[in-house]
Amino acid sequence: MTETVARAIGAYRTAATQVHPLVAVVKLYDEVLRRIALAVVGTEAKRFEEAYIHISRATLILRGLAGNLRSDLAGPAGAEMARTLKQTYVTNMLALNAAYGKKDAVQRFRKIRDGLVELRNAWAQIAGMEQIRP
């Protein structure tokens, strides 16, 4: 296990034990969105290695969210929702990595971010947290 993965897992565990699970999910989305925004800044400044690091960390968080879905606890409807969420996370991970290095990477990153803001806001609404603008 790499140091980055270990830190991400540790951060998730810390967040999961200190706040309500819904709040933890929203905070993880916020970090994904922050990392994508930093990747945009890095790409625009032609600091491509920095942008890649931010995309890798955003992807790692999405992978953690996908890996922690529990479809066995919520019946058939919950299982379907878990499958849909997992596919959404995987699709966004692939899109982030596919966008890196492309001429239109900034636009792609922003489009991915906008979609994730919608998903984040849905979780925030359930958790009773403030919504953010795309």
N, C-alpha and C. Protein backbone atom coordinates (compact mmCIF):
# COMPACT_ATOMS: atom_id res chain seq x y z
N MET A 1 0.85 -1.16 0.00
CA MET A 1 0.00 0.00 0.00
C MET A 1 0.90 1.24 0.00
N THR A 2 0.62 2.16 -0.91
CA THR A 2 1.43 3.37 -0.98
C THR A 2 1.07 4.31 0.15
N GLU A 3 1.95 5.26 0.38
CA GLU A 3 1.71 6.23 1.44
C GLU A 3 0.46 7.06 1.16
N THR A 4 0.24 7.41 -0.12
CA THR A 4 -0.93 8.21 -0.49
C THR A 4 -2.22 7.44 -0.21
N VAL A 5 -2.24 6.17 -0.58
CA VAL A 5 -3.42 5.34 -0.34
C VAL A 5 -3.65 5.22 1.16
N ALA A 6 -2.60 5.00 1.91
CA ALA A 6 -2.72 4.87 3.36
C ALA A 6 -3.27 6.14 3.98
N ARG A 7 -2.80 7.31 3.50
CA ARG A 7 -3.31 8.58 4.02
C ARG A 7 -4.78 8.77 3.67
N ALA A 8 -5.15 8.41 2.44
CA ALA A 8 -6.55 8.55 2.01
C ALA A 8 -7.46 7.67 2.86
N ILE A 9 -7.03 6.44 3.09
CA ILE A 9 -7.82 5.53 3.92
C ILE A 9 -7.91 6.06 5.35
N GLY A 10 -6.80 6.56 5.86
CA GLY A 10 -6.79 7.13 7.20
C GLY A 10 -7.71 8.34 7.32
N ALA A 11 -7.69 9.20 6.30
CA ALA A 11 -8.56 10.38 6.30
C ALA A 11 -10.02 9.95 6.27
N TYR A 12 -10.32 8.95 5.46
CA TYR A 12 -11.71 8.47 5.38
C TYR A 12 -12.14 7.91 6.73
N ARG A 13 -11.29 7.11 7.35
CA ARG A 13 -11.64 6.51 8.64
C ARG A 13 -11.85 7.59 9.71
N THR A 14 -10.96 8.58 9.71
CA THR A 14 -11.10 9.67 10.68
C THR A 14 -12.41 10.41 10.47
N ALA A 15 -12.70 10.76 9.22
CA ALA A 15 -13.95 11.47 8.92
C ALA A 15 -15.15 10.61 9.28
N ALA A 16 -15.05 9.33 9.01
CA ALA A 16 -16.18 8.43 9.25
C ALA A 16 -16.47 8.25 10.73
N THR A 17 -15.47 8.39 11.58
CA THR A 17 -15.70 8.18 13.01
C THR A 17 -16.03 9.46 13.76
N GLN A 18 -15.78 10.61 13.16
CA GLN A 18 -15.99 11.87 13.88
C GLN A 18 -17.23 12.63 13.43
N VAL A 19 -17.81 12.27 12.31
CA VAL A 19 -19.00 12.97 11.82
C VAL A 19 -20.02 11.94 11.34
N HIS A 20 -21.24 12.40 11.17
CA HIS A 20 -22.29 11.53 10.63
C HIS A 20 -21.85 11.04 9.24
N PRO A 21 -22.16 9.80 8.89
CA PRO A 21 -21.73 9.25 7.60
C PRO A 21 -22.14 10.11 6.39
N LEU A 22 -23.32 10.70 6.42
CA LEU A 22 -23.74 11.54 5.30
C LEU A 22 -22.87 12.79 5.19
N VAL A 23 -22.52 13.35 6.32
CA VAL A 23 -21.64 14.52 6.33
C VAL A 23 -20.26 14.13 5.80
N ALA A 24 -19.78 12.96 6.19
CA ALA A 24 -18.48 12.48 5.71
C ALA A 24 -18.49 12.34 4.19
N VAL A 25 -19.57 11.81 3.64
CA VAL A 25 -19.66 11.66 2.18
C VAL A 25 -19.60 13.02 1.51
N VAL A 26 -20.33 13.99 2.04
CA VAL A 26 -20.32 15.34 1.45
C VAL A 26 -18.92 15.94 1.54
N LYS A 27 -18.25 15.75 2.66
CA LYS A 27 -16.88 16.27 2.81
C LYS A 27 -15.93 15.61 1.82
N LEU A 28 -16.12 14.34 1.55
CA LEU A 28 -15.28 13.67 0.56
C LEU A 28 -15.55 14.22 -0.84
N TYR A 29 -16.81 14.46 -1.16
CA TYR A 29 -17.13 15.11 -2.43
C TYR A 29 -16.46 16.48 -2.52
N ASP A 30 -16.52 17.23 -1.42
CA ASP A 30 -15.90 18.56 -1.41
C ASP A 30 -14.40 18.47 -1.72
N GLU A 31 -13.75 17.45 -1.19
CA GLU A 31 -12.32 17.27 -1.46
C GLU A 31 -12.09 16.88 -2.92
N VAL A 32 -12.94 16.04 -3.46
CA VAL A 32 -12.83 15.69 -4.89
C VAL A 32 -12.96 16.95 -5.74
N LEU A 33 -13.96 17.77 -5.42
CA LEU A 33 -14.19 19.00 -6.18
C LEU A 33 -13.01 19.96 -6.04
N ARG A 34 -12.45 20.04 -4.85
CA ARG A 34 -11.29 20.90 -4.63
C ARG A 34 -10.10 20.42 -5.46
N ARG A 35 -9.90 19.12 -5.49
CA ARG A 35 -8.78 18.56 -6.26
C ARG A 35 -8.96 18.80 -7.76
N ILE A 36 -10.18 18.69 -8.24
CA ILE A 36 -10.43 18.96 -9.66
C ILE A 36 -10.16 20.43 -9.96
N ALA A 37 -10.59 21.32 -9.08
CA ALA A 37 -10.33 22.75 -9.27
C ALA A 37 -8.83 23.03 -9.30
N LEU A 38 -8.08 22.38 -8.43
CA LEU A 38 -6.63 22.54 -8.42
C LEU A 38 -5.99 21.96 -9.68
N ALA A 39 -6.56 20.89 -10.20
CA ALA A 39 -6.07 20.32 -11.46
C ALA A 39 -6.29 21.30 -12.61
N VAL A 40 -7.42 22.00 -12.59
CA VAL A 40 -7.69 23.02 -13.61
C VAL A 40 -6.62 24.11 -13.53
N VAL A 41 -6.35 24.59 -12.32
CA VAL A 41 -5.34 25.64 -12.13
C VAL A 41 -3.98 25.15 -12.62
N GLY A 42 -3.61 23.94 -12.24
CA GLY A 42 -2.33 23.38 -12.67
C GLY A 42 -2.24 23.22 -14.17
N THR A 43 -3.31 22.77 -14.79
CA THR A 43 -3.32 22.58 -16.24
C THR A 43 -3.21 23.92 -16.95
N GLU A 44 -3.97 24.91 -16.48
CA GLU A 44 -3.92 26.23 -17.10
C GLU A 44 -2.53 26.86 -16.99
N ALA A 45 -1.83 26.57 -15.90
CA ALA A 45 -0.48 27.09 -15.68
C ALA A 45 0.59 26.20 -16.29
N LYS A 46 0.16 25.15 -16.99
CA LYS A 46 1.07 24.19 -17.62
C LYS A 46 1.96 23.47 -16.59
N ARG A 47 1.42 23.31 -15.39
CA ARG A 47 2.08 22.51 -14.36
C ARG A 47 1.39 21.15 -14.36
N PHE A 48 1.75 20.36 -15.36
CA PHE A 48 1.01 19.14 -15.63
C PHE A 48 1.20 18.06 -14.57
N GLU A 49 2.39 17.99 -14.00
CA GLU A 49 2.61 16.99 -12.95
C GLU A 49 1.73 17.30 -11.73
N GLU A 50 1.64 18.57 -11.38
CA GLU A 50 0.79 19.00 -10.27
C GLU A 50 -0.67 18.65 -10.56
N ALA A 51 -1.11 18.92 -11.78
CA ALA A 51 -2.49 18.61 -12.17
C ALA A 51 -2.74 17.11 -12.06
N TYR A 52 -1.77 16.31 -12.50
CA TYR A 52 -1.92 14.86 -12.44
C TYR A 52 -2.05 14.37 -11.00
N ILE A 53 -1.27 14.95 -10.12
CA ILE A 53 -1.35 14.55 -8.70
C ILE A 53 -2.75 14.82 -8.16
N HIS A 54 -3.31 15.98 -8.50
CA HIS A 54 -4.65 16.32 -8.01
C HIS A 54 -5.72 15.39 -8.60
N ILE A 55 -5.58 15.07 -9.88
CA ILE A 55 -6.53 14.15 -10.51
C ILE A 55 -6.40 12.76 -9.88
N SER A 56 -5.18 12.34 -9.60
CA SER A 56 -4.97 11.04 -8.97
C SER A 56 -5.62 10.98 -7.59
N ARG A 57 -5.51 12.05 -6.84
CA ARG A 57 -6.10 12.07 -5.50
C ARG A 57 -7.62 12.11 -5.56
N ALA A 58 -8.15 12.88 -6.51
CA ALA A 58 -9.62 12.90 -6.69
C ALA A 58 -10.11 11.51 -7.06
N THR A 59 -9.38 10.85 -7.95
CA THR A 59 -9.75 9.50 -8.37
C THR A 59 -9.68 8.53 -7.20
N LEU A 60 -8.68 8.68 -6.37
CA LEU A 60 -8.52 7.80 -5.21
C LEU A 60 -9.72 7.93 -4.26
N ILE A 61 -10.19 9.14 -4.05
CA ILE A 61 -11.35 9.35 -3.18
C ILE A 61 -12.59 8.72 -3.80
N LEU A 62 -12.77 8.93 -5.11
CA LEU A 62 -13.92 8.32 -5.78
C LEU A 62 -13.85 6.79 -5.69
N ARG A 63 -12.65 6.25 -5.82
CA ARG A 63 -12.49 4.80 -5.69
C ARG A 63 -12.87 4.35 -4.29
N GLY A 64 -12.49 5.13 -3.28
CA GLY A 64 -12.87 4.81 -1.91
C GLY A 64 -14.37 4.86 -1.70
N LEU A 65 -15.02 5.87 -2.28
CA LEU A 65 -16.48 5.95 -2.18
C LEU A 65 -17.13 4.73 -2.85
N ALA A 66 -16.64 4.37 -4.02
CA ALA A 66 -17.20 3.21 -4.74
C ALA A 66 -16.98 1.92 -3.95
N GLY A 67 -15.83 1.81 -3.33
CA GLY A 67 -15.51 0.59 -2.60
C GLY A 67 -16.24 0.44 -1.28
N ASN A 68 -16.82 1.51 -0.79
CA ASN A 68 -17.51 1.45 0.50
C ASN A 68 -19.02 1.40 0.39
N LEU A 69 -19.53 1.21 -0.81
CA LEU A 69 -20.98 1.07 -0.99
C LEU A 69 -21.42 -0.28 -0.44
N ARG A 70 -22.54 -0.30 0.25
CA ARG A 70 -23.05 -1.53 0.86
C ARG A 70 -24.41 -1.86 0.26
N SER A 71 -24.43 -2.60 -0.80
CA SER A 71 -25.69 -2.95 -1.46
C SER A 71 -26.46 -4.04 -0.72
N ASP A 72 -25.80 -4.72 0.19
CA ASP A 72 -26.45 -5.84 0.89
C ASP A 72 -27.34 -5.39 2.06
N LEU A 73 -27.33 -4.12 2.39
CA LEU A 73 -28.06 -3.66 3.57
C LEU A 73 -29.40 -3.00 3.28
N ALA A 74 -29.68 -2.69 2.04
CA ALA A 74 -30.85 -1.85 1.76
C ALA A 74 -31.88 -2.48 0.84
N GLY A 75 -31.84 -3.77 0.66
CA GLY A 75 -32.83 -4.42 -0.19
C GLY A 75 -32.59 -4.17 -1.67
N PRO A 76 -33.51 -4.60 -2.52
CA PRO A 76 -33.33 -4.48 -3.97
C PRO A 76 -33.16 -3.04 -4.45
N ALA A 77 -33.95 -2.12 -3.91
CA ALA A 77 -33.83 -0.72 -4.34
C ALA A 77 -32.47 -0.15 -3.96
N GLY A 78 -32.01 -0.49 -2.76
CA GLY A 78 -30.69 -0.04 -2.31
C GLY A 78 -29.58 -0.65 -3.13
N ALA A 79 -29.74 -1.91 -3.50
CA ALA A 79 -28.73 -2.57 -4.33
C ALA A 79 -28.63 -1.90 -5.69
N GLU A 80 -29.77 -1.54 -6.25
CA GLU A 80 -29.78 -0.85 -7.55
C GLU A 80 -29.12 0.52 -7.43
N MET A 81 -29.42 1.23 -6.35
CA MET A 81 -28.81 2.54 -6.14
C MET A 81 -27.29 2.41 -5.98
N ALA A 82 -26.86 1.40 -5.24
CA ALA A 82 -25.43 1.17 -5.06
C ALA A 82 -24.75 0.88 -6.39
N ARG A 83 -25.40 0.07 -7.24
CA ARG A 83 -24.83 -0.21 -8.57
C ARG A 83 -24.72 1.07 -9.39
N THR A 84 -25.76 1.88 -9.35
CA THR A 84 -25.76 3.13 -10.11
C THR A 84 -24.68 4.08 -9.61
N LEU A 85 -24.57 4.21 -8.29
CA LEU A 85 -23.53 5.07 -7.72
C LEU A 85 -22.13 4.57 -8.08
N LYS A 86 -21.94 3.26 -7.98
CA LYS A 86 -20.63 2.70 -8.32
C LYS A 86 -20.28 2.99 -9.77
N GLN A 87 -21.24 2.80 -10.67
CA GLN A 87 -20.99 3.09 -12.08
C GLN A 87 -20.70 4.58 -12.29
N THR A 88 -21.39 5.43 -11.55
CA THR A 88 -21.14 6.87 -11.64
C THR A 88 -19.72 7.20 -11.19
N TYR A 89 -19.29 6.61 -10.08
CA TYR A 89 -17.94 6.85 -9.60
C TYR A 89 -16.90 6.35 -10.60
N VAL A 90 -17.10 5.15 -11.12
CA VAL A 90 -16.15 4.58 -12.08
C VAL A 90 -16.10 5.43 -13.34
N THR A 91 -17.25 5.84 -13.84
CA THR A 91 -17.31 6.67 -15.04
C THR A 91 -16.55 7.98 -14.83
N ASN A 92 -16.72 8.59 -13.67
CA ASN A 92 -16.01 9.84 -13.39
C ASN A 92 -14.51 9.63 -13.22
N MET A 93 -14.12 8.52 -12.62
CA MET A 93 -12.69 8.21 -12.50
C MET A 93 -12.06 8.08 -13.88
N LEU A 94 -12.73 7.33 -14.75
CA LEU A 94 -12.23 7.14 -16.11
C LEU A 94 -12.19 8.47 -16.87
N ALA A 95 -13.24 9.27 -16.72
CA ALA A 95 -13.30 10.56 -17.42
C ALA A 95 -12.19 11.50 -16.95
N LEU A 96 -11.92 11.53 -15.66
CA LEU A 96 -10.85 12.38 -15.15
C LEU A 96 -9.50 11.98 -15.74
N ASN A 97 -9.24 10.69 -15.75
CA ASN A 97 -7.96 10.22 -16.28
C ASN A 97 -7.87 10.37 -17.79
N ALA A 98 -8.99 10.20 -18.48
CA ALA A 98 -9.00 10.37 -19.94
C ALA A 98 -8.81 11.83 -20.32
N ALA A 99 -9.29 12.75 -19.49
CA ALA A 99 -9.18 14.19 -19.80
C ALA A 99 -7.75 14.69 -19.64
N TYR A 100 -7.01 14.09 -18.73
CA TYR A 100 -5.65 14.56 -18.46
C TYR A 100 -4.81 14.51 -19.73
N GLY A 101 -4.15 15.62 -20.02
CA GLY A 101 -3.25 15.69 -21.16
C GLY A 101 -3.91 16.06 -22.48
N LYS A 102 -5.22 16.13 -22.50
CA LYS A 102 -5.93 16.50 -23.73
C LYS A 102 -5.91 18.02 -23.89
N LYS A 103 -6.06 18.48 -25.14
CA LYS A 103 -6.08 19.92 -25.41
C LYS A 103 -7.22 20.61 -24.67
N ASP A 104 -8.34 19.92 -24.55
CA ASP A 104 -9.51 20.50 -23.90
C ASP A 104 -9.69 19.98 -22.47
N ALA A 105 -8.58 19.64 -21.83
CA ALA A 105 -8.64 19.06 -20.48
C ALA A 105 -9.36 19.98 -19.49
N VAL A 106 -9.10 21.27 -19.56
CA VAL A 106 -9.73 22.20 -18.61
C VAL A 106 -11.24 22.15 -18.75
N GLN A 107 -11.74 22.18 -19.98
CA GLN A 107 -13.19 22.11 -20.20
C GLN A 107 -13.75 20.78 -19.72
N ARG A 108 -13.02 19.71 -19.98
CA ARG A 108 -13.47 18.39 -19.53
C ARG A 108 -13.52 18.31 -18.00
N PHE A 109 -12.47 18.80 -17.36
CA PHE A 109 -12.44 18.80 -15.89
C PHE A 109 -13.61 19.59 -15.33
N ARG A 110 -13.89 20.74 -15.93
CA ARG A 110 -15.00 21.57 -15.44
C ARG A 110 -16.35 20.88 -15.63
N LYS A 111 -16.51 20.19 -16.74
CA LYS A 111 -17.77 19.48 -16.99
C LYS A 111 -17.95 18.34 -15.98
N ILE A 112 -16.88 17.61 -15.72
CA ILE A 112 -16.93 16.54 -14.72
C ILE A 112 -17.25 17.13 -13.35
N ARG A 113 -16.60 18.23 -13.02
CA ARG A 113 -16.84 18.89 -11.74
C ARG A 113 -18.30 19.31 -11.61
N ASP A 114 -18.86 19.88 -12.66
CA ASP A 114 -20.27 20.31 -12.61
C ASP A 114 -21.20 19.14 -12.29
N GLY A 115 -20.95 18.00 -12.92
CA GLY A 115 -21.77 16.82 -12.64
C GLY A 115 -21.60 16.33 -11.21
N LEU A 116 -20.38 16.37 -10.71
CA LEU A 116 -20.13 15.94 -9.34
C LEU A 116 -20.71 16.93 -8.32
N VAL A 117 -20.79 18.21 -8.69
CA VAL A 117 -21.43 19.20 -7.81
C VAL A 117 -22.90 18.83 -7.62
N GLU A 118 -23.56 18.43 -8.70
CA GLU A 118 -24.97 18.01 -8.59
C GLU A 118 -25.12 16.83 -7.64
N LEU A 119 -24.24 15.85 -7.79
CA LEU A 119 -24.30 14.67 -6.93
C LEU A 119 -23.99 15.05 -5.48
N ARG A 120 -22.99 15.89 -5.30
CA ARG A 120 -22.62 16.37 -3.96
C ARG A 120 -23.80 17.09 -3.31
N ASN A 121 -24.46 17.94 -4.09
CA ASN A 121 -25.58 18.70 -3.53
C ASN A 121 -26.76 17.80 -3.16
N ALA A 122 -26.94 16.72 -3.90
CA ALA A 122 -27.99 15.76 -3.54
C ALA A 122 -27.69 15.15 -2.17
N TRP A 123 -26.44 14.74 -1.96
CA TRP A 123 -26.04 14.20 -0.66
C TRP A 123 -26.15 15.27 0.42
N ALA A 124 -25.75 16.50 0.09
CA ALA A 124 -25.81 17.59 1.07
C ALA A 124 -27.26 17.87 1.50
N GLN A 125 -28.18 17.79 0.55
CA GLN A 125 -29.59 18.01 0.87
C GLN A 125 -30.07 16.95 1.86
N ILE A 126 -29.71 15.70 1.61
CA ILE A 126 -30.09 14.61 2.51
C ILE A 126 -29.48 14.82 3.90
N ALA A 127 -28.23 15.30 3.92
CA ALA A 127 -27.52 15.49 5.18
C ALA A 127 -27.90 16.79 5.88
N GLY A 128 -28.72 17.62 5.23
CA GLY A 128 -29.10 18.90 5.82
C GLY A 128 -27.99 19.93 5.77
N MET A 129 -27.11 19.80 4.77
CA MET A 129 -25.98 20.71 4.63
C MET A 129 -26.25 21.71 3.51
N GLU A 130 -25.44 22.74 3.50
CA GLU A 130 -25.56 23.79 2.50
C GLU A 130 -25.18 23.28 1.11
N GLN A 131 -25.89 23.76 0.11
CA GLN A 131 -25.59 23.42 -1.28
C GLN A 131 -24.53 24.39 -1.80
N ILE A 132 -23.80 23.96 -2.83
CA ILE A 132 -22.83 24.85 -3.46
C ILE A 132 -23.22 25.04 -4.92
N ARG A 133 -22.70 26.10 -5.51
CA ARG A 133 -22.99 26.37 -6.92
C ARG A 133 -21.93 25.69 -7.78
N PRO A 134 -22.34 25.27 -8.98
CA PRO A 134 -21.35 24.67 -9.90
C PRO A 134 -20.26 25.64 -10.31
